[in-house]
């Protein structure tokens, strides 16, 4: 799945998980249901009830899973206003392109 926004609301079904890489600084907020957050090589288990949030403080990959039938999580990436680019988990999802590559990709796309 490609997420093309600094903010995302994601529903996670029972026995499913959301794996994030390079998520340092991202804020995870439980919207509905209870979430279990586990970070690779970290002894902590983070449990979030609706309305609670956690700011990722590690560079390790993490998994977010519902405790129960399903849950909804808001993910807000850390901002880097100086560069104008998204950071953390969102930046890792974007393919690296040169200016020529973007222009070439846009060729043939009708103007709005």
PDB file of N, CA and C in Angstrom:
ATOM      1  N   UNK A   1       0.848  -1.168   0.000  1.00  0.00           N
ATOM      2  CA  UNK A   1       0.000   0.000   0.000  1.00  0.00           C
ATOM      3  C   UNK A   1       0.894   1.232   0.000  1.00  0.00           C
ATOM      4  N   UNK A   2       0.573   2.196  -0.843  1.00  0.00           N
ATOM      5  CA  UNK A   2       1.288   3.465  -0.865  1.00  0.00           C
ATOM      6  C   UNK A   2       0.385   4.510  -0.243  1.00  0.00           C
ATOM      7  N   UNK A   3       0.896   5.199   0.761  1.00  0.00           N
ATOM      8  CA  UNK A   3       0.148   6.286   1.398  1.00  0.00           C
ATOM      9  C   UNK A   3       0.814   7.573   0.969  1.00  0.00           C
ATOM     10  N   UNK A   4       0.038   8.435   0.351  1.00  0.00           N
ATOM     11  CA  UNK A   4       0.584   9.613  -0.288  1.00  0.00           C
ATOM     12  C   UNK A   4       0.181  10.883   0.451  1.00  0.00           C
ATOM     13  N   UNK A   5       0.227  10.858   1.773  1.00  0.00           N
ATOM     14  CA  UNK A   5      -0.202  11.986   2.577  1.00  0.00           C
ATOM     15  C   UNK A   5       0.542  11.971   3.916  1.00  0.00           C
ATOM     16  N   UNK A   6       0.740  13.131   4.522  1.00  0.00           N
ATOM     17  CA  UNK A   6       1.405  13.140   5.830  1.00  0.00           C
ATOM     18  C   UNK A   6       0.486  12.670   6.952  1.00  0.00           C
ATOM     19  N   UNK A   7      -0.825  12.586   6.690  1.00  0.00           N
ATOM     20  CA  UNK A   7      -1.789  12.121   7.684  1.00  0.00           C
ATOM     21  C   UNK A   7      -2.615  11.003   7.077  1.00  0.00           C
ATOM     22  N   UNK A   8      -2.841   9.947   7.836  1.00  0.00           N
ATOM     23  CA  UNK A   8      -3.647   8.836   7.338  1.00  0.00           C
ATOM     24  C   UNK A   8      -4.480   8.274   8.473  1.00  0.00           C
ATOM     25  N   UNK A   9      -5.715   7.886   8.154  1.00  0.00           N
ATOM     26  CA  UNK A   9      -6.569   7.151   9.097  1.00  0.00           C
ATOM     27  C   UNK A   9      -6.759   5.771   8.490  1.00  0.00           C
ATOM     28  N   UNK A  10      -6.326   4.756   9.222  1.00  0.00           N
ATOM     29  CA  UNK A  10      -6.336   3.401   8.697  1.00  0.00           C
ATOM     30  C   UNK A  10      -7.116   2.474   9.605  1.00  0.00           C
ATOM     31  N   UNK A  11      -8.010   1.695   9.009  1.00  0.00           N
ATOM     32  CA  UNK A  11      -8.731   0.660   9.744  1.00  0.00           C
ATOM     33  C   UNK A  11      -7.915  -0.625   9.658  1.00  0.00           C
ATOM     34  N   UNK A  12      -7.750  -1.290  10.781  1.00  0.00           N
ATOM     35  CA  UNK A  12      -6.976  -2.533  10.824  1.00  0.00           C
ATOM     36  C   UNK A  12      -7.917  -3.644  11.284  1.00  0.00           C
ATOM     37  N   UNK A  13      -8.082  -4.659  10.450  1.00  0.00           N
ATOM     38  CA  UNK A  13      -8.968  -5.780  10.761  1.00  0.00           C
ATOM     39  C   UNK A  13      -8.333  -6.701  11.799  1.00  0.00           C
ATOM     40  N   UNK A  14      -9.178  -7.526  12.407  1.00  0.00           N
ATOM     41  CA  UNK A  14      -8.711  -8.500  13.393  1.00  0.00           C
ATOM     42  C   UNK A  14      -7.660  -9.407  12.766  1.00  0.00           C
ATOM     43  N   UNK A  15      -6.662  -9.744  13.544  1.00  0.00           N
ATOM     44  CA  UNK A  15      -5.556 -10.618  13.132  1.00  0.00           C
ATOM     45  C   UNK A  15      -4.766 -10.065  11.943  1.00  0.00           C
ATOM     46  N   UNK A  16      -4.813  -8.775  11.756  1.00  0.00           N
ATOM     47  CA  UNK A  16      -4.016  -8.091  10.725  1.00  0.00           C
ATOM     48  C   UNK A  16      -3.130  -7.089  11.427  1.00  0.00           C
ATOM     49  N   UNK A  17      -2.112  -6.632  10.728  1.00  0.00           N
ATOM     50  CA  UNK A  17      -1.220  -5.650  11.316  1.00  0.00           C
ATOM     51  C   UNK A  17      -0.780  -4.626  10.296  1.00  0.00           C
ATOM     52  N   UNK A  18      -0.306  -3.534  10.789  1.00  0.00           N
ATOM     53  CA  UNK A  18       0.243  -2.463   9.972  1.00  0.00           C
ATOM     54  C   UNK A  18       1.715  -2.367  10.336  1.00  0.00           C
ATOM     55  N   UNK A  19       2.604  -2.560   9.370  1.00  0.00           N
ATOM     56  CA  UNK A  19       4.041  -2.492   9.623  1.00  0.00           C
ATOM     57  C   UNK A  19       4.568  -1.180   9.070  1.00  0.00           C
ATOM     58  N   UNK A  20       5.271  -0.439   9.900  1.00  0.00           N
ATOM     59  CA  UNK A  20       5.845   0.846   9.504  1.00  0.00           C
ATOM     60  C   UNK A  20       7.352   0.795   9.661  1.00  0.00           C
ATOM     61  N   UNK A  21       8.053   1.351   8.676  1.00  0.00           N
ATOM     62  CA  UNK A  21       9.506   1.486   8.732  1.00  0.00           C
ATOM     63  C   UNK A  21       9.839   2.970   8.813  1.00  0.00           C
ATOM     64  N   UNK A  22      10.972   3.295   9.399  1.00  0.00           N
ATOM     65  CA  UNK A  22      11.435   4.685   9.492  1.00  0.00           C
ATOM     66  C   UNK A  22      10.340   5.602  10.022  1.00  0.00           C
ATOM     67  N   UNK A  23       9.698   5.196  11.100  1.00  0.00           N
ATOM     68  CA  UNK A  23       8.554   5.943  11.634  1.00  0.00           C
ATOM     69  C   UNK A  23       8.920   6.903  12.764  1.00  0.00           C
ATOM     70  N   UNK A  24      10.197   7.058  13.053  1.00  0.00           N
ATOM     71  CA  UNK A  24      10.609   7.936  14.163  1.00  0.00           C
ATOM     72  C   UNK A  24       9.944   9.308  14.025  1.00  0.00           C
ATOM     73  N   UNK A  25       9.325   9.766  15.097  1.00  0.00           N
ATOM     74  CA  UNK A  25       8.674  11.070  15.121  1.00  0.00           C
ATOM     75  C   UNK A  25       7.215  11.041  14.707  1.00  0.00           C
ATOM     76  N   UNK A  26       6.753   9.949  14.116  1.00  0.00           N
ATOM     77  CA  UNK A  26       5.345   9.853  13.722  1.00  0.00           C
ATOM     78  C   UNK A  26       4.479   9.685  14.977  1.00  0.00           C
ATOM     79  N   UNK A  27       3.292  10.276  14.933  1.00  0.00           N
ATOM     80  CA  UNK A  27       2.347  10.139  16.045  1.00  0.00           C
ATOM     81  C   UNK A  27       1.277   9.127  15.645  1.00  0.00           C
ATOM     82  N   UNK A  28       1.110   8.093  16.469  1.00  0.00           N
ATOM     83  CA  UNK A  28       0.072   7.096  16.287  1.00  0.00           C
ATOM     84  C   UNK A  28      -1.009   7.387  17.316  1.00  0.00           C
ATOM     85  N   UNK A  29      -2.261   7.494  16.866  1.00  0.00           N
ATOM     86  CA  UNK A  29      -3.370   7.780  17.791  1.00  0.00           C
ATOM     87  C   UNK A  29      -4.478   6.771  17.568  1.00  0.00           C
ATOM     88  N   UNK A  30      -4.914   6.129  18.630  1.00  0.00           N
ATOM     89  CA  UNK A  30      -6.028   5.184  18.556  1.00  0.00           C
ATOM     90  C   UNK A  30      -7.317   5.983  18.415  1.00  0.00           C
ATOM     91  N   UNK A  31      -8.065   5.693  17.364  1.00  0.00           N
ATOM     92  CA  UNK A  31      -9.340   6.367  17.135  1.00  0.00           C
ATOM     93  C   UNK A  31     -10.477   5.483  17.630  1.00  0.00           C
ATOM     94  N   UNK A  32     -10.413   4.205  17.257  1.00  0.00           N
ATOM     95  CA  UNK A  32     -11.447   3.256  17.637  1.00  0.00           C
ATOM     96  C   UNK A  32     -10.775   1.931  17.968  1.00  0.00           C
ATOM     97  N   UNK A  33     -11.232   1.279  19.001  1.00  0.00           N
ATOM     98  CA  UNK A  33     -10.636   0.019  19.407  1.00  0.00           C
ATOM     99  C   UNK A  33      -9.324   0.241  20.146  1.00  0.00           C
ATOM    100  N   UNK A  34      -8.739  -0.844  20.602  1.00  0.00           N
ATOM    101  CA  UNK A  34      -7.470  -0.794  21.328  1.00  0.00           C
ATOM    102  C   UNK A  34      -6.359  -1.286  20.418  1.00  0.00           C
ATOM    103  N   UNK A  35      -5.250  -0.560  20.408  1.00  0.00           N
ATOM    104  CA  UNK A  35      -4.107  -0.882  19.553  1.00  0.00           C
ATOM    105  C   UNK A  35      -2.947  -1.410  20.385  1.00  0.00           C
ATOM    106  N   UNK A  36      -2.232  -2.357  19.812  1.00  0.00           N
ATOM    107  CA  UNK A  36      -0.997  -2.866  20.393  1.00  0.00           C
ATOM    108  C   UNK A  36       0.121  -2.477  19.443  1.00  0.00           C
ATOM    109  N   UNK A  37       1.125  -1.773  19.951  1.00  0.00           N
ATOM    110  CA  UNK A  37       2.274  -1.343  19.158  1.00  0.00           C
ATOM    111  C   UNK A  37       3.500  -2.066  19.701  1.00  0.00           C
ATOM    112  N   UNK A  38       4.192  -2.750  18.798  1.00  0.00           N
ATOM    113  CA  UNK A  38       5.421  -3.426  19.195  1.00  0.00           C
ATOM    114  C   UNK A  38       6.531  -2.997  18.241  1.00  0.00           C
ATOM    115  N   UNK A  39       7.668  -2.655  18.802  1.00  0.00           N
ATOM    116  CA  UNK A  39       8.806  -2.141  18.042  1.00  0.00           C
ATOM    117  C   UNK A  39       9.900  -3.207  18.027  1.00  0.00           C
ATOM    118  N   UNK A  40      10.442  -3.486  16.849  1.00  0.00           N
ATOM    119  CA  UNK A  40      11.519  -4.476  16.726  1.00  0.00           C
ATOM    120  C   UNK A  40      12.659  -4.139  17.692  1.00  0.00           C
ATOM    121  N   UNK A  41      13.188  -5.162  18.356  1.00  0.00           N
ATOM    122  CA  UNK A  41      14.330  -5.037  19.275  1.00  0.00           C
ATOM    123  C   UNK A  41      14.056  -4.103  20.449  1.00  0.00           C
ATOM    124  N   UNK A  42      12.791  -3.962  20.834  1.00  0.00           N
ATOM    125  CA  UNK A  42      12.418  -3.104  21.964  1.00  0.00           C
ATOM    126  C   UNK A  42      11.569  -3.943  22.913  1.00  0.00           C
ATOM    127  N   UNK A  43      11.888  -3.931  24.180  1.00  0.00           N
ATOM    128  CA  UNK A  43      11.168  -4.752  25.151  1.00  0.00           C
ATOM    129  C   UNK A  43       9.788  -4.202  25.501  1.00  0.00           C
ATOM    130  N   UNK A  44       9.521  -2.959  25.142  1.00  0.00           N
ATOM    131  CA  UNK A  44       8.236  -2.356  25.487  1.00  0.00           C
ATOM    132  C   UNK A  44       7.110  -2.898  24.617  1.00  0.00           C
ATOM    133  N   UNK A  45       5.938  -2.954  25.194  1.00  0.00           N
ATOM    134  CA  UNK A  45       4.696  -3.151  24.468  1.00  0.00           C
ATOM    135  C   UNK A  45       3.850  -1.925  24.767  1.00  0.00           C
ATOM    136  N   UNK A  46       3.418  -1.240  23.740  1.00  0.00           N
ATOM    137  CA  UNK A  46       2.620  -0.029  23.913  1.00  0.00           C
ATOM    138  C   UNK A  46       1.176  -0.383  23.585  1.00  0.00           C
ATOM    139  N   UNK A  47       0.259  -0.089  24.505  1.00  0.00           N
ATOM    140  CA  UNK A  47      -1.162  -0.336  24.301  1.00  0.00           C
ATOM    141  C   UNK A  47      -1.862   1.013  24.343  1.00  0.00           C
ATOM    142  N   UNK A  48      -2.624   1.294  23.280  1.00  0.00           N
ATOM    143  CA  UNK A  48      -3.319   2.565  23.170  1.00  0.00           C
ATOM    144  C   UNK A  48      -4.829   2.348  23.134  1.00  0.00           C
ATOM    145  N   UNK A  49      -5.538   2.963  24.056  1.00  0.00           N
ATOM    146  CA  UNK A  49      -7.001   2.972  24.038  1.00  0.00           C
ATOM    147  C   UNK A  49      -7.467   4.172  23.226  1.00  0.00           C
ATOM    148  N   UNK A  50      -8.731   4.201  22.807  1.00  0.00           N
ATOM    149  CA  UNK A  50      -9.213   5.328  21.997  1.00  0.00           C
ATOM    150  C   UNK A  50      -8.885   6.682  22.630  1.00  0.00           C
ATOM    151  N   UNK A  51      -8.339   7.571  21.806  1.00  0.00           N
ATOM    152  CA  UNK A  51      -7.952   8.905  22.256  1.00  0.00           C
ATOM    153  C   UNK A  51      -6.504   9.010  22.708  1.00  0.00           C
ATOM    154  N   UNK A  52      -5.860   7.890  22.999  1.00  0.00           N
ATOM    155  CA  UNK A  52      -4.465   7.913  23.431  1.00  0.00           C
ATOM    156  C   UNK A  52      -3.544   7.897  22.219  1.00  0.00           C
ATOM    157  N   UNK A  53      -2.344   8.461  22.391  1.00  0.00           N
ATOM    158  CA  UNK A  53      -1.392   8.501  21.284  1.00  0.00           C
ATOM    159  C   UNK A  53       0.005   8.168  21.774  1.00  0.00           C
ATOM    160  N   UNK A  54       0.860   7.883  20.802  1.00  0.00           N
ATOM    161  CA  UNK A  54       2.254   7.540  21.075  1.00  0.00           C
ATOM    162  C   UNK A  54       3.090   8.130  19.953  1.00  0.00           C
ATOM    163  N   UNK A  55       4.159   8.834  20.316  1.00  0.00           N
ATOM    164  CA  UNK A  55       5.101   9.346  19.330  1.00  0.00           C
ATOM    165  C   UNK A  55       6.248   8.345  19.238  1.00  0.00           C
ATOM    166  N   UNK A  56       6.474   7.837  18.040  1.00  0.00           N
ATOM    167  CA  UNK A  56       7.497   6.816  17.829  1.00  0.00           C
ATOM    168  C   UNK A  56       8.868   7.409  18.119  1.00  0.00           C
ATOM    169  N   UNK A  57       9.608   6.757  18.998  1.00  0.00           N
ATOM    170  CA  UNK A  57      10.916   7.263  19.429  1.00  0.00           C
ATOM    171  C   UNK A  57      12.051   6.332  19.033  1.00  0.00           C
ATOM    172  N   UNK A  58      11.839   5.556  17.984  1.00  0.00           N
ATOM    173  CA  UNK A  58      12.830   4.582  17.549  1.00  0.00           C
ATOM    174  C   UNK A  58      12.909   4.561  16.031  1.00  0.00           C
ATOM    175  N   UNK A  59      14.075   4.180  15.517  1.00  0.00           N
ATOM    176  CA  UNK A  59      14.232   4.012  14.069  1.00  0.00           C
ATOM    177  C   UNK A  59      13.902   2.588  13.622  1.00  0.00           C
ATOM    178  N   UNK A  60      13.631   1.711  14.558  1.00  0.00           N
ATOM    179  CA  UNK A  60      13.335   0.319  14.245  1.00  0.00           C
ATOM    180  C   UNK A  60      11.935   0.181  13.627  1.00  0.00           C
ATOM    181  N   UNK A  61      11.741  -0.804  12.757  1.00  0.00           N
ATOM    182  CA  UNK A  61      10.387  -1.073  12.232  1.00  0.00           C
ATOM    183  C   UNK A  61       9.443  -1.417  13.384  1.00  0.00           C
ATOM    184  N   UNK A  62       8.170  -1.140  13.190  1.00  0.00           N
ATOM    185  CA  UNK A  62       7.180  -1.445  14.216  1.00  0.00           C
ATOM    186  C   UNK A  62       5.931  -2.030  13.583  1.00  0.00           C
ATOM    187  N   UNK A  63       5.124  -2.682  14.424  1.00  0.00           N
ATOM    188  CA  UNK A  63       3.864  -3.270  13.989  1.00  0.00           C
ATOM    189  C   UNK A  63       2.769  -2.731  14.894  1.00  0.00           C
ATOM    190  N   UNK A  64       1.650  -2.333  14.271  1.00  0.00           N
ATOM    191  CA  UNK A  64       0.468  -1.883  14.991  1.00  0.00           C
ATOM    192  C   UNK A  64      -0.626  -2.909  14.711  1.00  0.00           C
ATOM    193  N   UNK A  65      -1.212  -3.475  15.773  1.00  0.00           N
ATOM    194  CA  UNK A  65      -2.265  -4.480  15.621  1.00  0.00           C
ATOM    195  C   UNK A  65      -3.423  -4.152  16.554  1.00  0.00           C
ATOM    196  N   UNK A  66      -4.635  -4.532  16.154  1.00  0.00           N
ATOM    197  CA  UNK A  66      -5.768  -4.338  17.056  1.00  0.00           C
ATOM    198  C   UNK A  66      -5.785  -5.416  18.139  1.00  0.00           C
ATOM    199  N   UNK A  67      -6.180  -5.049  19.330  1.00  0.00           N
ATOM    200  CA  UNK A  67      -6.450  -6.018  20.389  1.00  0.00           C
ATOM    201  C   UNK A  67      -7.972  -6.160  20.406  1.00  0.00           C
ATOM    202  N   UNK A  68      -8.447  -7.187  19.762  1.00  0.00           N
ATOM    203  CA  UNK A  68      -9.886  -7.372  19.616  1.00  0.00           C
ATOM    204  C   UNK A  68     -10.232  -7.499  18.145  1.00  0.00           C
ATOM    205  N   UNK A  69     -11.466  -7.213  17.824  1.00  0.00           N
ATOM    206  CA  UNK A  69     -11.954  -7.413  16.456  1.00  0.00           C
ATOM    207  C   UNK A  69     -11.288  -6.505  15.426  1.00  0.00           C
ATOM    208  N   UNK A  70     -11.300  -5.220  15.653  1.00  0.00           N
ATOM    209  CA  UNK A  70     -10.694  -4.281  14.702  1.00  0.00           C
ATOM    210  C   UNK A  70     -10.377  -2.994  15.438  1.00  0.00           C
ATOM    211  N   UNK A  71      -9.610  -2.135  14.787  1.00  0.00           N
ATOM    212  CA  UNK A  71      -9.250  -0.849  15.379  1.00  0.00           C
ATOM    213  C   UNK A  71      -8.945   0.136  14.261  1.00  0.00           C
ATOM    214  N   UNK A  72      -8.984   1.402  14.594  1.00  0.00           N
ATOM    215  CA  UNK A  72      -8.652   2.458  13.644  1.00  0.00           C
ATOM    216  C   UNK A  72      -7.542   3.307  14.252  1.00  0.00           C
ATOM    217  N   UNK A  73      -6.539   3.611  13.433  1.00  0.00           N
ATOM    218  CA  UNK A  73      -5.394   4.388  13.898  1.00  0.00           C
ATOM    219  C   UNK A  73      -5.204   5.599  12.990  1.00  0.00           C
ATOM    220  N   UNK A  74      -4.891   6.730  13.590  1.00  0.00           N
ATOM    221  CA  UNK A  74      -4.441   7.905  12.847  1.00  0.00           C
ATOM    222  C   UNK A  74      -2.921   7.906  12.896  1.00  0.00           C
ATOM    223  N   UNK A  75      -2.300   8.096  11.742  1.00  0.00           N
ATOM    224  CA  UNK A  75      -0.842   8.184  11.656  1.00  0.00           C
ATOM    225  C   UNK A  75      -0.513   9.556  11.103  1.00  0.00           C
ATOM    226  N   UNK A  76       0.258  10.308  11.853  1.00  0.00           N
ATOM    227  CA  UNK A  76       0.680  11.640  11.415  1.00  0.00           C
ATOM    228  C   UNK A  76       2.200  11.649  11.385  1.00  0.00           C
ATOM    229  N   UNK A  77       2.763  11.878  10.187  1.00  0.00           N
ATOM    230  CA  UNK A  77       4.220  11.844  10.079  1.00  0.00           C
ATOM    231  C   UNK A  77       4.830  13.075  10.726  1.00  0.00           C
ATOM    232  N   UNK A  78       6.084  12.943  11.087  1.00  0.00           N
ATOM    233  CA  UNK A  78       6.822  14.072  11.634  1.00  0.00           C
ATOM    234  C   UNK A  78       7.093  15.057  10.516  1.00  0.00           C
ATOM    235  N   UNK A  79       6.950  16.329  10.794  1.00  0.00           N
ATOM    236  CA  UNK A  79       7.160  17.355   9.771  1.00  0.00           C
ATOM    237  C   UNK A  79       8.604  17.821   9.792  1.00  0.00           C
ATOM    238  N   UNK A  80       9.084  18.183   8.616  1.00  0.00           N
ATOM    239  CA  UNK A  80      10.400  18.805   8.474  1.00  0.00           C
ATOM    240  C   UNK A  80      10.209  20.077   7.662  1.00  0.00           C
ATOM    241  N   UNK A  81       9.763  21.158   8.299  1.00  0.00           N
ATOM    242  CA  UNK A  81       9.459  22.362   7.552  1.00  0.00           C
ATOM    243  C   UNK A  81      10.638  22.958   6.802  1.00  0.00           C
ATOM    244  N   UNK A  82      11.856  22.714   7.271  1.00  0.00           N
ATOM    245  CA  UNK A  82      13.003  23.335   6.605  1.00  0.00           C
ATOM    246  C   UNK A  82      13.217  22.795   5.201  1.00  0.00           C
ATOM    247  N   UNK A  83      12.949  21.516   4.981  1.00  0.00           N
ATOM    248  CA  UNK A  83      13.179  20.949   3.659  1.00  0.00           C
ATOM    249  C   UNK A  83      11.903  20.854   2.842  1.00  0.00           C
ATOM    250  N   UNK A  84      10.740  20.984   3.505  1.00  0.00           N
ATOM    251  CA  UNK A  84       9.485  20.863   2.789  1.00  0.00           C
ATOM    252  C   UNK A  84       9.151  19.429   2.422  1.00  0.00           C
ATOM    253  N   UNK A  85       9.911  18.461   2.918  1.00  0.00           N
ATOM    254  CA  UNK A  85       9.680  17.054   2.593  1.00  0.00           C
ATOM    255  C   UNK A  85       9.167  16.323   3.816  1.00  0.00           C
ATOM    256  N   UNK A  86       8.362  15.321   3.587  1.00  0.00           N
ATOM    257  CA  UNK A  86       7.884  14.483   4.673  1.00  0.00           C
ATOM    258  C   UNK A  86       9.053  13.655   5.197  1.00  0.00           C
ATOM    259  N   UNK A  87       8.939  13.259   6.438  1.00  0.00           N
ATOM    260  CA  UNK A  87      10.017  12.463   7.006  1.00  0.00           C
ATOM    261  C   UNK A  87       9.494  11.130   7.476  1.00  0.00           C
ATOM    262  N   UNK A  88      10.382  10.334   8.017  1.00  0.00           N
ATOM    263  CA  UNK A  88      10.012   9.093   8.656  1.00  0.00           C
ATOM    264  C   UNK A  88       9.330   8.120   7.732  1.00  0.00           C
ATOM    265  N   UNK A  89       8.286   7.471   8.249  1.00  0.00           N
ATOM    266  CA  UNK A  89       7.608   6.401   7.523  1.00  0.00           C
ATOM    267  C   UNK A  89       7.075   6.868   6.181  1.00  0.00           C
ATOM    268  N   UNK A  90       6.588   8.104   6.084  1.00  0.00           N
ATOM    269  CA  UNK A  90       6.027   8.588   4.826  1.00  0.00           C
ATOM    270  C   UNK A  90       7.115   8.773   3.778  1.00  0.00           C
ATOM    271  N   UNK A  91       8.240   9.365   4.175  1.00  0.00           N
ATOM    272  CA  UNK A  91       9.336   9.594   3.237  1.00  0.00           C
ATOM    273  C   UNK A  91       9.841   8.275   2.650  1.00  0.00           C
ATOM    274  N   UNK A  92       9.843   7.230   3.463  1.00  0.00           N
ATOM    275  CA  UNK A  92      10.314   5.931   2.986  1.00  0.00           C
ATOM    276  C   UNK A  92       9.388   5.337   1.933  1.00  0.00           C
ATOM    277  N   UNK A  93       8.121   5.761   1.917  1.00  0.00           N
ATOM    278  CA  UNK A  93       7.173   5.230   0.942  1.00  0.00           C
ATOM    279  C   UNK A  93       7.305   5.898  -0.426  1.00  0.00           C
ATOM    280  N   UNK A  94       7.823   7.112  -0.479  1.00  0.00           N
ATOM    281  CA  UNK A  94       7.901   7.868  -1.731  1.00  0.00           C
ATOM    282  C   UNK A  94       9.084   7.395  -2.557  1.00  0.00           C
ATOM    283  N   UNK A  95       8.884   7.118  -3.834  1.00  0.00           N
ATOM    284  CA  UNK A  95      10.025   6.756  -4.679  1.00  0.00           C
ATOM    285  C   UNK A  95      10.885   7.994  -4.939  1.00  0.00           C
ATOM    286  N   UNK A  96      12.157   7.789  -5.057  1.00  0.00           N
ATOM    287  CA  UNK A  96      13.054   8.908  -5.370  1.00  0.00           C
ATOM    288  C   UNK A  96      12.994   9.165  -6.869  1.00  0.00           C
ATOM    289  N   UNK A  97      12.760  10.411  -7.239  1.00  0.00           N
ATOM    290  CA  UNK A  97      12.670  10.763  -8.661  1.00  0.00           C
ATOM    291  C   UNK A  97      13.460  12.035  -8.919  1.00  0.00           C
ATOM    292  N   UNK A  98      13.973  12.095 -10.108  1.00  0.00           N
ATOM    293  CA  UNK A  98      14.640  13.318 -10.524  1.00  0.00           C
ATOM    294  C   UNK A  98      13.586  14.227 -11.136  1.00  0.00           C
ATOM    295  N   UNK A  99      13.918  15.487 -11.310  1.00  0.00           N
ATOM    296  CA  UNK A  99      12.974  16.424 -11.917  1.00  0.00           C
ATOM    297  C   UNK A  99      12.573  15.941 -13.308  1.00  0.00           C
ATOM    298  N   UNK A 100      13.518  15.411 -14.075  1.00  0.00           N
ATOM    299  CA  UNK A 100      13.205  14.894 -15.412  1.00  0.00           C
ATOM    300  C   UNK A 100      12.264  13.710 -15.349  1.00  0.00           C
ATOM    301  N   UNK A 101      12.434  12.864 -14.327  1.00  0.00           N
ATOM    302  CA  UNK A 101      11.567  11.703 -14.175  1.00  0.00           C
ATOM    303  C   UNK A 101      10.140  12.094 -13.865  1.00  0.00           C
ATOM    304  N   UNK A 102       9.957  13.136 -13.054  1.00  0.00           N
ATOM    305  CA  UNK A 102       8.620  13.611 -12.742  1.00  0.00           C
ATOM    306  C   UNK A 102       7.980  14.211 -13.978  1.00  0.00           C
ATOM    307  N   UNK A 103       8.735  15.019 -14.724  1.00  0.00           N
ATOM    308  CA  UNK A 103       8.191  15.624 -15.956  1.00  0.00           C
ATOM    309  C   UNK A 103       7.817  14.539 -16.947  1.00  0.00           C
ATOM    310  N   UNK A 104       8.640  13.519 -17.059  1.00  0.00           N
ATOM    311  CA  UNK A 104       8.349  12.432 -17.983  1.00  0.00           C
ATOM    312  C   UNK A 104       7.100  11.672 -17.518  1.00  0.00           C
ATOM    313  N   UNK A 105       6.951  11.453 -16.229  1.00  0.00           N
ATOM    314  CA  UNK A 105       5.787  10.750 -15.699  1.00  0.00           C
ATOM    315  C   UNK A 105       4.511  11.545 -15.925  1.00  0.00           C
ATOM    316  N   UNK A 106       4.627  12.882 -15.940  1.00  0.00           N
ATOM    317  CA  UNK A 106       3.450  13.739 -16.105  1.00  0.00           C
ATOM    318  C   UNK A 106       3.059  13.925 -17.568  1.00  0.00           C
ATOM    319  N   UNK A 107       3.937  13.561 -18.490  1.00  0.00           N
ATOM    320  CA  UNK A 107       3.644  13.701 -19.909  1.00  0.00           C
ATOM    321  C   UNK A 107       2.399  12.893 -20.256  1.00  0.00           C
ATOM    322  N   UNK A 108       1.475  13.496 -20.953  1.00  0.00           N
ATOM    323  CA  UNK A 108       0.267  12.802 -21.358  1.00  0.00           C
ATOM    324  C   UNK A 108      -0.848  12.889 -20.338  1.00  0.00           C
ATOM    325  N   UNK A 109      -0.592  13.505 -19.163  1.00  0.00           N
ATOM    326  CA  UNK A 109      -1.643  13.688 -18.170  1.00  0.00           C
ATOM    327  C   UNK A 109      -2.372  14.974 -18.494  1.00  0.00           C
ATOM    328  N   UNK A 110      -3.708  14.917 -18.709  1.00  0.00           N
ATOM    329  CA  UNK A 110      -4.454  16.132 -19.063  1.00  0.00           C
ATOM    330  C   UNK A 110      -4.405  17.170 -17.952  1.00  0.00           C
ATOM    331  N   UNK A 111      -4.357  18.427 -18.335  1.00  0.00           N
ATOM    332  CA  UNK A 111      -4.337  19.527 -17.361  1.00  0.00           C
ATOM    333  C   UNK A 111      -5.722  19.645 -16.724  1.00  0.00           C
ATOM    334  N   UNK A 112      -5.737  20.050 -15.467  1.00  0.00           N
ATOM    335  CA  UNK A 112      -7.017  20.174 -14.740  1.00  0.00           C
ATOM    336  C   UNK A 112      -7.759  21.422 -15.152  1.00  0.00           C
TER     337      UNK A 112
END
